[in-house]
C-alpha cells in the first residue's frame, strides 16, 4: 500500500478535500493511504510530524495555485524536500494544478502535471472530470513505480507456482464495528465538515462580490456559519456533533446560528454495513426533492449540508 501526502496551501483546502474524495476509490481498493497536516492531533509536534510524513511518503501531490507559490513553507520547505526525494528516486512527485498561475518555469515545471495538459482544475466545465483525470494519473503512477501493492515475500522454487495459482475474488468477510470505531468515525467526520465549511465560506466570499461570511467555532462540538448579502443576513446555520445520550446522536444541522442543539432541520446518523461506516441523512429538508444517497462519506455529507446552507442564500438573489 502506497502512502500519499498532500502539499498544499490552506487557501485551497476545499479543493484538497474534493481531490481526496475522488481518491477514495484507490483507498478502498487498498492501494493508498492519504495524509495531510489537518490530520495532526493536539499535542503532536507540528513541524516534526509533517517532516516525518514527507520523508516516508511514496507519492507527494503538490497542489499548485498562486497561494501555494506564495507560501514560504509550501515552496521553500515542503516543495524543496519533495523534489529532492523525487530526484533521488525515493518518491514520486505529481504537480496538481488547482488554479491558473505561472508555474511552468518553476522547479517542478519539467514534471508532467495533471489534470491533462496542466489545465487548472477550476477552469474545467465539469470539475469532477478534472479530479477523475487526476485519479487515473495517480493510479498509473502507482503501477509505474511498483508501489501499488505490497511486494509478495520471496518463495522457494518449489512453491513459486502457488504465487500464480488462481484464487476466488470473493474474499471479503463481514466486519463488525465497535462503539469506539463509530465514535472515532463521527469525530473525524465532524472535523472534516467543519474544515469544509470554514474554507468554503472563505471561497464563497472571495468569488461573490457583495457576499460576506462568518465562521465561528462555539466549542469542540459546535460551529456556526453565516452568509450576508449586502450586509443583510442571507443564510445561517449551526452544525454540531451529538452523542448517544443527547437529543441528536450523530451530526445535527439547524437553520439558525444560535448554537442550539435541541432541534434540527437535518440529522446525519452513523451507520455500518458489512464493510464500512457511513453517514445516513434523515433528509427532512429534502422531502419531495428527489432521493439522496443513504450512505454518505464525510465528504459527501459536507457537500449535502453545504447545499442546504446555500439553498437559503440562493433564494435571496
C-alpha atoms as a PDB file:
ATOM      1  CA  UNK A   1       0.000   0.000   0.000  1.00  0.00           C
ATOM      2  CA  UNK A   2       1.419   3.372  -1.030  1.00  0.00           C
ATOM      3  CA  UNK A   3       1.332   6.451   1.209  1.00  0.00           C
ATOM      4  CA  UNK A   4       0.126   9.652  -0.457  1.00  0.00           C
ATOM      5  CA  UNK A   5       0.844  13.055   1.113  1.00  0.00           C
ATOM      6  CA  UNK A   6      -0.705  16.374   0.071  1.00  0.00           C
ATOM      7  CA  UNK A   7       1.402  19.533  -0.048  1.00  0.00           C
ATOM      8  CA  UNK A   8      -0.983  22.486  -0.347  1.00  0.00           C
ATOM      9  CA  UNK A   9      -1.903  25.977   0.776  1.00  0.00           C
ATOM     10  CA  UNK A  10      -4.696  26.177   3.342  1.00  0.00           C
ATOM     11  CA  UNK A  11      -6.430  28.581   0.940  1.00  0.00           C
ATOM     12  CA  UNK A  12      -7.024  25.504  -1.234  1.00  0.00           C
ATOM     13  CA  UNK A  13      -8.320  23.208   1.494  1.00  0.00           C
ATOM     14  CA  UNK A  14     -11.780  22.799  -0.048  1.00  0.00           C
ATOM     15  CA  UNK A  15     -10.232  21.695  -3.365  1.00  0.00           C
ATOM     16  CA  UNK A  16      -7.925  19.325  -1.493  1.00  0.00           C
ATOM     17  CA  UNK A  17     -10.966  17.749   0.179  1.00  0.00           C
ATOM     18  CA  UNK A  18     -12.620  17.245  -3.226  1.00  0.00           C
ATOM     19  CA  UNK A  19      -9.496  15.571  -4.581  1.00  0.00           C
ATOM     20  CA  UNK A  20      -9.200  13.316  -1.538  1.00  0.00           C
ATOM     21  CA  UNK A  21     -12.833  12.240  -2.015  1.00  0.00           C
ATOM     22  CA  UNK A  22     -12.079  11.238  -5.616  1.00  0.00           C
ATOM     23  CA  UNK A  23      -9.066   9.234  -4.436  1.00  0.00           C
ATOM     24  CA  UNK A  24     -11.294   7.280  -2.047  1.00  0.00           C
ATOM     25  CA  UNK A  25     -11.722   4.503  -4.611  1.00  0.00           C
ATOM     26  CA  UNK A  26      -7.972   3.830  -4.587  1.00  0.00           C
ATOM     27  CA  UNK A  27      -8.022   3.885  -0.805  1.00  0.00           C
ATOM     28  CA  UNK A  28     -10.903   1.396  -0.630  1.00  0.00           C
ATOM     29  CA  UNK A  29      -9.024  -0.890  -3.033  1.00  0.00           C
ATOM     30  CA  UNK A  30      -6.194  -0.970  -0.535  1.00  0.00           C
ATOM     31  CA  UNK A  31      -3.816   0.806  -2.916  1.00  0.00           C
ATOM     32  CA  UNK A  32      -3.156   4.000  -0.942  1.00  0.00           C
ATOM     33  CA  UNK A  33      -3.387   5.794   2.351  1.00  0.00           C
ATOM     34  CA  UNK A  34      -3.687   9.597   2.362  1.00  0.00           C
ATOM     35  CA  UNK A  35      -2.331  12.184   4.785  1.00  0.00           C
ATOM     36  CA  UNK A  36      -2.274  15.970   5.161  1.00  0.00           C
ATOM     37  CA  UNK A  37      -1.492  18.319   8.004  1.00  0.00           C
ATOM     38  CA  UNK A  38      -5.117  18.560   9.186  1.00  0.00           C
ATOM     39  CA  UNK A  39      -4.650  15.001  10.490  1.00  0.00           C
ATOM     40  CA  UNK A  40      -2.226  16.260  13.142  1.00  0.00           C
ATOM     41  CA  UNK A  41      -3.854  15.982  16.545  1.00  0.00           C
ATOM     42  CA  UNK A  42      -3.435  18.238  19.554  1.00  0.00           C
ATOM     43  CA  UNK A  43      -0.145  17.660  21.339  1.00  0.00           C
ATOM     44  CA  UNK A  44       1.800  16.411  18.325  1.00  0.00           C
ATOM     45  CA  UNK A  45       4.845  18.482  17.249  1.00  0.00           C
ATOM     46  CA  UNK A  46       3.722  20.261  14.074  1.00  0.00           C
ATOM     47  CA  UNK A  47       6.934  20.595  12.039  1.00  0.00           C
ATOM     48  CA  UNK A  48       8.340  17.226  13.103  1.00  0.00           C
ATOM     49  CA  UNK A  49       5.125  15.369  12.214  1.00  0.00           C
ATOM     50  CA  UNK A  50       4.941  16.992   8.764  1.00  0.00           C
ATOM     51  CA  UNK A  51       8.636  16.292   8.150  1.00  0.00           C
ATOM     52  CA  UNK A  52       8.206  12.612   9.086  1.00  0.00           C
ATOM     53  CA  UNK A  53       5.363  12.107   6.598  1.00  0.00           C
ATOM     54  CA  UNK A  54       7.218  13.899   3.804  1.00  0.00           C
ATOM     55  CA  UNK A  55      10.293  11.736   4.427  1.00  0.00           C
ATOM     56  CA  UNK A  56       8.342   8.483   4.180  1.00  0.00           C
ATOM     57  CA  UNK A  57       5.662   9.229   1.526  1.00  0.00           C
ATOM     58  CA  UNK A  58       5.615   7.186  -1.661  1.00  0.00           C
ATOM     59  CA  UNK A  59       3.660   9.802  -3.653  1.00  0.00           C
ATOM     60  CA  UNK A  60       3.637  13.534  -2.924  1.00  0.00           C
ATOM     61  CA  UNK A  61       0.877  15.541  -4.575  1.00  0.00           C
ATOM     62  CA  UNK A  62       1.811  19.208  -4.753  1.00  0.00           C
ATOM     63  CA  UNK A  63      -1.399  21.201  -5.194  1.00  0.00           C
ATOM     64  CA  UNK A  64      -0.398  24.225  -7.233  1.00  0.00           C
ATOM     65  CA  UNK A  65      -2.004  27.651  -7.050  1.00  0.00           C
ATOM     66  CA  UNK A  66      -0.784  31.211  -6.599  1.00  0.00           C
ATOM     67  CA  UNK A  67      -1.264  30.753  -2.841  1.00  0.00           C
ATOM     68  CA  UNK A  68       0.953  27.637  -2.851  1.00  0.00           C
ATOM     69  CA  UNK A  69       3.693  29.501  -4.727  1.00  0.00           C
ATOM     70  CA  UNK A  70       3.324  32.485  -2.389  1.00  0.00           C
ATOM     71  CA  UNK A  71       3.611  30.344   0.746  1.00  0.00           C
ATOM     72  CA  UNK A  72       7.172  30.234   2.086  1.00  0.00           C
ATOM     73  CA  UNK A  73       6.508  26.999   3.947  1.00  0.00           C
ATOM     74  CA  UNK A  74       4.944  25.226   0.953  1.00  0.00           C
ATOM     75  CA  UNK A  75       7.506  26.455  -1.552  1.00  0.00           C
ATOM     76  CA  UNK A  76      10.741  26.613   0.444  1.00  0.00           C
ATOM     77  CA  UNK A  77      10.258  23.688   2.827  1.00  0.00           C
ATOM     78  CA  UNK A  78       7.759  21.106   1.528  1.00  0.00           C
ATOM     79  CA  UNK A  79       8.471  21.533  -2.192  1.00  0.00           C
ATOM     80  CA  UNK A  80      12.240  21.511  -1.690  1.00  0.00           C
ATOM     81  CA  UNK A  81      12.090  18.273   0.301  1.00  0.00           C
ATOM     82  CA  UNK A  82       9.629  16.664  -2.112  1.00  0.00           C
ATOM     83  CA  UNK A  83      11.743  17.471  -5.185  1.00  0.00           C
ATOM     84  CA  UNK A  84      14.919  16.209  -3.504  1.00  0.00           C
ATOM     85  CA  UNK A  85      13.293  12.844  -2.759  1.00  0.00           C
ATOM     86  CA  UNK A  86      11.891  12.724  -6.310  1.00  0.00           C
ATOM     87  CA  UNK A  87      15.322  13.318  -7.830  1.00  0.00           C
ATOM     88  CA  UNK A  88      16.803  10.554  -5.656  1.00  0.00           C
ATOM     89  CA  UNK A  89      14.063   8.156  -6.780  1.00  0.00           C
ATOM     90  CA  UNK A  90      12.705   7.794  -3.245  1.00  0.00           C
ATOM     91  CA  UNK A  91       9.249   9.199  -4.021  1.00  0.00           C
ATOM     92  CA  UNK A  92       7.117  10.331  -6.948  1.00  0.00           C
ATOM     93  CA  UNK A  93       6.062  13.971  -7.105  1.00  0.00           C
ATOM     94  CA  UNK A  94       2.942  14.833  -9.103  1.00  0.00           C
ATOM     95  CA  UNK A  95       2.079  18.512  -9.659  1.00  0.00           C
ATOM     96  CA  UNK A  96      -1.698  19.021  -9.491  1.00  0.00           C
ATOM     97  CA  UNK A  97      -2.683  22.379 -10.986  1.00  0.00           C
ATOM     98  CA  UNK A  98      -5.647  23.623  -8.971  1.00  0.00           C
ATOM     99  CA  UNK A  99      -5.956  27.240 -10.096  1.00  0.00           C
ATOM    100  CA  UNK A 100      -4.452  29.166 -13.022  1.00  0.00           C
ATOM    101  CA  UNK A 101      -0.997  30.563 -12.242  1.00  0.00           C
ATOM    102  CA  UNK A 102       2.502  30.805 -13.720  1.00  0.00           C
ATOM    103  CA  UNK A 103       4.168  27.521 -12.827  1.00  0.00           C
ATOM    104  CA  UNK A 104       5.915  26.034 -15.882  1.00  0.00           C
ATOM    105  CA  UNK A 105       9.300  27.702 -15.204  1.00  0.00           C
ATOM    106  CA  UNK A 106       9.390  26.695 -11.545  1.00  0.00           C
ATOM    107  CA  UNK A 107      11.464  23.751 -10.185  1.00  0.00           C
ATOM    108  CA  UNK A 108       8.661  21.243 -10.803  1.00  0.00           C
ATOM    109  CA  UNK A 109       7.773  22.642 -14.251  1.00  0.00           C
ATOM    110  CA  UNK A 110       9.573  19.808 -16.069  1.00  0.00           C
ATOM    111  CA  UNK A 111       7.306  17.197 -14.470  1.00  0.00           C
ATOM    112  CA  UNK A 112       4.139  16.027 -16.203  1.00  0.00           C
ATOM    113  CA  UNK A 113       1.354  17.894 -14.425  1.00  0.00           C
ATOM    114  CA  UNK A 114      -2.272  16.920 -14.002  1.00  0.00           C
ATOM    115  CA  UNK A 115      -5.078  17.304 -14.952  1.00  0.00           C
ATOM    116  CA  UNK A 116      -4.475  16.730 -18.672  1.00  0.00           C
ATOM    117  CA  UNK A 117      -2.169  19.301 -20.304  1.00  0.00           C
ATOM    118  CA  UNK A 118      -1.751  21.087 -16.967  1.00  0.00           C
ATOM    119  CA  UNK A 119      -5.193  22.671 -17.311  1.00  0.00           C
ATOM    120  CA  UNK A 120      -6.165  24.024 -13.891  1.00  0.00           C
ATOM    121  CA  UNK A 121      -8.972  22.170 -12.092  1.00  0.00           C
ATOM    122  CA  UNK A 122     -11.076  25.301 -11.592  1.00  0.00           C
ATOM    123  CA  UNK A 123     -11.145  26.017 -15.340  1.00  0.00           C
ATOM    124  CA  UNK A 124     -12.815  22.706 -16.264  1.00  0.00           C
ATOM    125  CA  UNK A 125     -16.513  22.982 -17.081  1.00  0.00           C
ATOM    126  CA  UNK A 126     -17.030  19.752 -15.120  1.00  0.00           C
ATOM    127  CA  UNK A 127     -14.736  19.714 -12.104  1.00  0.00           C
ATOM    128  CA  UNK A 128     -15.448  16.039 -11.388  1.00  0.00           C
ATOM    129  CA  UNK A 129     -13.899  15.152 -14.755  1.00  0.00           C
ATOM    130  CA  UNK A 130     -10.744  17.030 -13.768  1.00  0.00           C
ATOM    131  CA  UNK A 131     -10.464  15.126 -10.498  1.00  0.00           C
ATOM    132  CA  UNK A 132     -11.190  11.850 -12.304  1.00  0.00           C
ATOM    133  CA  UNK A 133      -8.291  12.574 -14.661  1.00  0.00           C
ATOM    134  CA  UNK A 134      -6.038  13.203 -11.647  1.00  0.00           C
ATOM    135  CA  UNK A 135      -7.152   9.967 -10.001  1.00  0.00           C
ATOM    136  CA  UNK A 136      -6.340   7.997 -13.138  1.00  0.00           C
ATOM    137  CA  UNK A 137      -2.895   9.604 -13.248  1.00  0.00           C
ATOM    138  CA  UNK A 138      -2.262   8.620  -9.633  1.00  0.00           C
ATOM    139  CA  UNK A 139      -3.279   5.034 -10.399  1.00  0.00           C
ATOM    140  CA  UNK A 140      -0.893   4.985 -13.372  1.00  0.00           C
ATOM    141  CA  UNK A 141       1.918   6.411 -11.252  1.00  0.00           C
ATOM    142  CA  UNK A 142       1.364   3.691  -8.660  1.00  0.00           C
ATOM    143  CA  UNK A 143       1.605   0.981 -11.300  1.00  0.00           C
ATOM    144  CA  UNK A 144       4.643   2.517 -12.993  1.00  0.00           C
ATOM    145  CA  UNK A 145       6.529   2.973  -9.735  1.00  0.00           C
ATOM    146  CA  UNK A 146       5.713  -0.510  -8.459  1.00  0.00           C
ATOM    147  CA  UNK A 147       4.171   0.966  -5.328  1.00  0.00           C
ATOM    148  CA  UNK A 148       0.597  -0.110  -5.995  1.00  0.00           C
ATOM    149  CA  UNK A 149       0.843  -3.269  -3.944  1.00  0.00           C
ATOM    150  CA  UNK A 150       2.963  -4.505  -1.058  1.00  0.00           C
ATOM    151  CA  UNK A 151       5.564  -6.850  -2.626  1.00  0.00           C
ATOM    152  CA  UNK A 152       4.891 -10.520  -2.001  1.00  0.00           C
ATOM    153  CA  UNK A 153       7.583 -12.326   0.012  1.00  0.00           C
ATOM    154  CA  UNK A 154      10.015 -14.472  -1.934  1.00  0.00           C
ATOM    155  CA  UNK A 155       9.084 -18.136  -2.194  1.00  0.00           C
ATOM    156  CA  UNK A 156      11.388 -21.120  -2.628  1.00  0.00           C
ATOM    157  CA  UNK A 157      11.471 -22.529  -6.215  1.00  0.00           C
ATOM    158  CA  UNK A 158       9.251 -25.491  -5.395  1.00  0.00           C
ATOM    159  CA  UNK A 159       6.496 -23.149  -4.122  1.00  0.00           C
ATOM    160  CA  UNK A 160       6.619 -20.449  -6.785  1.00  0.00           C
ATOM    161  CA  UNK A 161       3.699 -21.962  -8.654  1.00  0.00           C
ATOM    162  CA  UNK A 162       1.476 -21.149  -5.673  1.00  0.00           C
ATOM    163  CA  UNK A 163       2.109 -17.446  -6.240  1.00  0.00           C
ATOM    164  CA  UNK A 164       0.303 -17.501  -9.580  1.00  0.00           C
ATOM    165  CA  UNK A 165      -2.382 -20.012  -8.679  1.00  0.00           C
ATOM    166  CA  UNK A 166      -5.897 -18.659  -9.242  1.00  0.00           C
ATOM    167  CA  UNK A 167      -7.923 -17.557  -6.237  1.00  0.00           C
ATOM    168  CA  UNK A 168     -11.528 -16.564  -5.774  1.00  0.00           C
ATOM    169  CA  UNK A 169     -12.268 -12.824  -5.964  1.00  0.00           C
ATOM    170  CA  UNK A 170     -14.880 -13.381  -3.279  1.00  0.00           C
ATOM    171  CA  UNK A 171     -12.632 -12.998  -0.227  1.00  0.00           C
ATOM    172  CA  UNK A 172     -14.203 -10.163   1.741  1.00  0.00           C
ATOM    173  CA  UNK A 173     -15.673 -11.134   5.103  1.00  0.00           C
ATOM    174  CA  UNK A 174     -18.227  -9.124   7.086  1.00  0.00           C
ATOM    175  CA  UNK A 175     -16.666  -6.701   9.526  1.00  0.00           C
ATOM    176  CA  UNK A 176     -18.101  -5.657  12.839  1.00  0.00           C
ATOM    177  CA  UNK A 177     -17.534  -2.154  14.225  1.00  0.00           C
ATOM    178  CA  UNK A 178     -17.133  -1.332  17.887  1.00  0.00           C
ATOM    179  CA  UNK A 179     -18.699   1.620  19.663  1.00  0.00           C
ATOM    180  CA  UNK A 180     -15.243   3.233  19.663  1.00  0.00           C
ATOM    181  CA  UNK A 181     -14.973   2.765  15.883  1.00  0.00           C
ATOM    182  CA  UNK A 182     -18.268   4.592  15.453  1.00  0.00           C
ATOM    183  CA  UNK A 183     -17.298   7.379  17.856  1.00  0.00           C
ATOM    184  CA  UNK A 184     -13.948   7.855  16.086  1.00  0.00           C
ATOM    185  CA  UNK A 185     -15.671   7.960  12.704  1.00  0.00           C
ATOM    186  CA  UNK A 186     -18.173  10.539  13.977  1.00  0.00           C
ATOM    187  CA  UNK A 187     -15.435  12.775  15.360  1.00  0.00           C
ATOM    188  CA  UNK A 188     -13.393  12.576  12.145  1.00  0.00           C
ATOM    189  CA  UNK A 189     -16.464  13.285  10.015  1.00  0.00           C
ATOM    190  CA  UNK A 190     -17.411  16.310  12.124  1.00  0.00           C
ATOM    191  CA  UNK A 191     -13.872  17.670  11.870  1.00  0.00           C
ATOM    192  CA  UNK A 192     -13.906  17.334   8.076  1.00  0.00           C
ATOM    193  CA  UNK A 193     -17.313  19.022   7.827  1.00  0.00           C
ATOM    194  CA  UNK A 194     -16.088  21.920   9.977  1.00  0.00           C
ATOM    195  CA  UNK A 195     -12.964  22.386   7.823  1.00  0.00           C
ATOM    196  CA  UNK A 196     -15.061  22.121   4.658  1.00  0.00           C
ATOM    197  CA  UNK A 197     -17.437  24.859   5.832  1.00  0.00           C
ATOM    198  CA  UNK A 198     -14.667  27.163   7.034  1.00  0.00           C
ATOM    199  CA  UNK A 199     -12.850  27.004   3.702  1.00  0.00           C
ATOM    200  CA  UNK A 200     -15.982  27.047   1.563  1.00  0.00           C
ATOM    201  CA  UNK A 201     -17.212  30.180   3.327  1.00  0.00           C
ATOM    202  CA  UNK A 202     -13.920  31.920   2.555  1.00  0.00           C
ATOM    203  CA  UNK A 203     -14.120  30.853  -1.087  1.00  0.00           C
ATOM    204  CA  UNK A 204     -17.769  31.918  -1.313  1.00  0.00           C
ATOM    205  CA  UNK A 205     -16.899  35.400  -0.098  1.00  0.00           C
ATOM    206  CA  UNK A 206     -13.866  35.640  -2.369  1.00  0.00           C
ATOM    207  CA  UNK A 207     -15.760  34.682  -5.521  1.00  0.00           C
ATOM    208  CA  UNK A 208     -19.008  36.602  -4.952  1.00  0.00           C
ATOM    209  CA  UNK A 209     -18.794  40.398  -4.606  1.00  0.00           C
ATOM    210  CA  UNK A 210     -21.274  41.698  -2.069  1.00  0.00           C
ATOM    211  CA  UNK A 211     -21.273  38.472  -0.061  1.00  0.00           C
ATOM    212  CA  UNK A 212     -19.642  38.386   3.367  1.00  0.00           C
ATOM    213  CA  UNK A 213     -19.328  35.311   5.566  1.00  0.00           C
ATOM    214  CA  UNK A 214     -18.582  34.382   9.137  1.00  0.00           C
ATOM    215  CA  UNK A 215     -17.409  31.062  10.599  1.00  0.00           C
ATOM    216  CA  UNK A 216     -17.360  30.626  14.357  1.00  0.00           C
ATOM    217  CA  UNK A 217     -16.426  27.620  16.478  1.00  0.00           C
ATOM    218  CA  UNK A 218     -18.506  27.649  19.647  1.00  0.00           C
ATOM    219  CA  UNK A 219     -16.661  24.689  21.175  1.00  0.00           C
ATOM    220  CA  UNK A 220     -15.193  21.332  20.143  1.00  0.00           C
ATOM    221  CA  UNK A 221     -18.640  20.016  19.189  1.00  0.00           C
ATOM    222  CA  UNK A 222     -20.374  23.027  17.587  1.00  0.00           C
ATOM    223  CA  UNK A 223     -19.785  25.688  14.950  1.00  0.00           C
ATOM    224  CA  UNK A 224     -21.909  28.287  13.175  1.00  0.00           C
ATOM    225  CA  UNK A 225     -21.858  29.643   9.630  1.00  0.00           C
ATOM    226  CA  UNK A 226     -23.403  32.896   8.410  1.00  0.00           C
ATOM    227  CA  UNK A 227     -23.589  34.484   4.946  1.00  0.00           C
ATOM    228  CA  UNK A 228     -24.579  38.107   4.380  1.00  0.00           C
ATOM    229  CA  UNK A 229     -25.610  39.696   1.087  1.00  0.00           C
ATOM    230  CA  UNK A 230     -25.390  43.477   1.008  1.00  0.00           C
ATOM    231  CA  UNK A 231     -24.980  43.467   4.771  1.00  0.00           C
ATOM    232  CA  UNK A 232     -28.228  41.574   5.351  1.00  0.00           C
ATOM    233  CA  UNK A 233     -28.406  38.014   6.622  1.00  0.00           C
ATOM    234  CA  UNK A 234     -28.980  35.555   3.781  1.00  0.00           C
ATOM    235  CA  UNK A 235     -28.281  32.200   5.443  1.00  0.00           C
ATOM    236  CA  UNK A 236     -27.383  30.975   8.919  1.00  0.00           C
ATOM    237  CA  UNK A 237     -26.784  27.551  10.422  1.00  0.00           C
ATOM    238  CA  UNK A 238     -25.461  25.713  13.429  1.00  0.00           C
ATOM    239  CA  UNK A 239     -23.833  22.307  12.969  1.00  0.00           C
ATOM    240  CA  UNK A 240     -22.997  20.130  15.916  1.00  0.00           C
ATOM    241  CA  UNK A 241     -21.847  16.675  16.913  1.00  0.00           C
ATOM    242  CA  UNK A 242     -24.184  14.835  19.232  1.00  0.00           C
ATOM    243  CA  UNK A 243     -23.761  11.674  21.288  1.00  0.00           C
ATOM    244  CA  UNK A 244     -25.664   8.634  22.397  1.00  0.00           C
ATOM    245  CA  UNK A 245     -27.067  10.414  25.453  1.00  0.00           C
ATOM    246  CA  UNK A 246     -28.076  13.570  23.569  1.00  0.00           C
ATOM    247  CA  UNK A 247     -31.130  14.509  21.515  1.00  0.00           C
ATOM    248  CA  UNK A 248     -29.168  14.182  18.266  1.00  0.00           C
ATOM    249  CA  UNK A 249     -26.997  11.084  18.126  1.00  0.00           C
ATOM    250  CA  UNK A 250     -24.988  11.973  15.037  1.00  0.00           C
ATOM    251  CA  UNK A 251     -24.396  15.325  13.322  1.00  0.00           C
ATOM    252  CA  UNK A 252     -27.170  17.890  13.502  1.00  0.00           C
ATOM    253  CA  UNK A 253     -27.917  20.878  11.248  1.00  0.00           C
ATOM    254  CA  UNK A 254     -30.318  23.688  12.151  1.00  0.00           C
ATOM    255  CA  UNK A 255     -31.077  26.827  10.127  1.00  0.00           C
ATOM    256  CA  UNK A 256     -30.024  29.406  12.716  1.00  0.00           C
ATOM    257  CA  UNK A 257     -26.758  30.410  14.373  1.00  0.00           C
ATOM    258  CA  UNK A 258     -27.979  30.433  17.968  1.00  0.00           C
ATOM    259  CA  UNK A 259     -25.909  27.381  18.802  1.00  0.00           C
ATOM    260  CA  UNK A 260     -28.990  25.483  19.943  1.00  0.00           C
ATOM    261  CA  UNK A 261     -28.927  21.701  19.752  1.00  0.00           C
ATOM    262  CA  UNK A 262     -32.498  20.839  20.750  1.00  0.00           C
ATOM    263  CA  UNK A 263     -33.976  20.890  17.235  1.00  0.00           C
ATOM    264  CA  UNK A 264     -32.725  20.235  13.730  1.00  0.00           C
ATOM    265  CA  UNK A 265     -33.525  20.518  10.036  1.00  0.00           C
ATOM    266  CA  UNK A 266     -31.215  17.627   9.163  1.00  0.00           C
ATOM    267  CA  UNK A 267     -29.560  14.826  11.085  1.00  0.00           C
ATOM    268  CA  UNK A 268     -26.772  12.514   9.909  1.00  0.00           C
ATOM    269  CA  UNK A 269     -26.501   9.300  11.876  1.00  0.00           C
ATOM    270  CA  UNK A 270     -23.525   6.927  11.931  1.00  0.00           C
ATOM    271  CA  UNK A 271     -24.438   3.563  10.414  1.00  0.00           C
ATOM    272  CA  UNK A 272     -22.495   0.487   9.347  1.00  0.00           C
ATOM    273  CA  UNK A 273     -22.832  -2.159   6.676  1.00  0.00           C
ATOM    274  CA  UNK A 274     -20.729  -5.311   6.316  1.00  0.00           C
ATOM    275  CA  UNK A 275     -17.644  -3.423   5.201  1.00  0.00           C
ATOM    276  CA  UNK A 276     -17.693   0.235   6.189  1.00  0.00           C
ATOM    277  CA  UNK A 277     -19.053   3.038   8.320  1.00  0.00           C
ATOM    278  CA  UNK A 278     -21.070   5.833   6.723  1.00  0.00           C
ATOM    279  CA  UNK A 279     -23.383   8.736   7.479  1.00  0.00           C
ATOM    280  CA  UNK A 280     -27.088   8.335   6.780  1.00  0.00           C
ATOM    281  CA  UNK A 281     -29.128  11.526   6.258  1.00  0.00           C
ATOM    282  CA  UNK A 282     -32.592  11.879   7.690  1.00  0.00           C
ATOM    283  CA  UNK A 283     -33.328  14.073   4.615  1.00  0.00           C
ATOM    284  CA  UNK A 284     -36.095  16.077   6.288  1.00  0.00           C
ATOM    285  CA  UNK A 285     -35.094  19.205   4.389  1.00  0.00           C
ATOM    286  CA  UNK A 286     -35.218  17.367   1.049  1.00  0.00           C
ATOM    287  CA  UNK A 287     -38.719  15.937   1.249  1.00  0.00           C
ATOM    288  CA  UNK A 288     -40.175  15.887  -2.268  1.00  0.00           C
ATOM    289  CA  UNK A 289     -36.871  16.890  -3.926  1.00  0.00           C
ATOM    290  CA  UNK A 290     -35.556  13.521  -5.039  1.00  0.00           C
ATOM    291  CA  UNK A 291     -33.691  10.699  -3.399  1.00  0.00           C
ATOM    292  CA  UNK A 292     -30.434  11.261  -1.557  1.00  0.00           C
ATOM    293  CA  UNK A 293     -27.682   8.735  -1.065  1.00  0.00           C
ATOM    294  CA  UNK A 294     -28.313   6.778   2.104  1.00  0.00           C
ATOM    295  CA  UNK A 295     -24.604   6.000   2.554  1.00  0.00           C
ATOM    296  CA  UNK A 296     -22.569   9.194   2.669  1.00  0.00           C
ATOM    297  CA  UNK A 297     -18.848   9.621   3.194  1.00  0.00           C
ATOM    298  CA  UNK A 298     -17.755  12.639   5.297  1.00  0.00           C
ATOM    299  CA  UNK A 299     -17.017  14.484   2.047  1.00  0.00           C
ATOM    300  CA  UNK A 300     -20.475  13.734   0.643  1.00  0.00           C
ATOM    301  CA  UNK A 301     -22.063  14.756   3.936  1.00  0.00           C
ATOM    302  CA  UNK A 302     -20.140  18.051   3.859  1.00  0.00           C
ATOM    303  CA  UNK A 303     -21.470  18.823   0.386  1.00  0.00           C
ATOM    304  CA  UNK A 304     -25.004  17.832   1.434  1.00  0.00           C
ATOM    305  CA  UNK A 305     -25.043  20.239   4.396  1.00  0.00           C
ATOM    306  CA  UNK A 306     -23.391  22.954   2.296  1.00  0.00           C
ATOM    307  CA  UNK A 307     -26.185  22.564  -0.268  1.00  0.00           C
ATOM    308  CA  UNK A 308     -28.730  23.176   2.496  1.00  0.00           C
ATOM    309  CA  UNK A 309     -26.847  26.288   3.578  1.00  0.00           C
ATOM    310  CA  UNK A 310     -26.550  27.616   0.006  1.00  0.00           C
ATOM    311  CA  UNK A 311     -30.196  26.984  -0.770  1.00  0.00           C
ATOM    312  CA  UNK A 312     -31.330  29.779   1.529  1.00  0.00           C
ATOM    313  CA  UNK A 313     -28.639  32.084   0.212  1.00  0.00           C
ATOM    314  CA  UNK A 314     -29.708  31.487  -3.385  1.00  0.00           C
ATOM    315  CA  UNK A 315     -33.322  32.204  -2.506  1.00  0.00           C
ATOM    316  CA  UNK A 316     -32.321  35.770  -1.655  1.00  0.00           C
ATOM    317  CA  UNK A 317     -30.970  36.553  -5.155  1.00  0.00           C
END
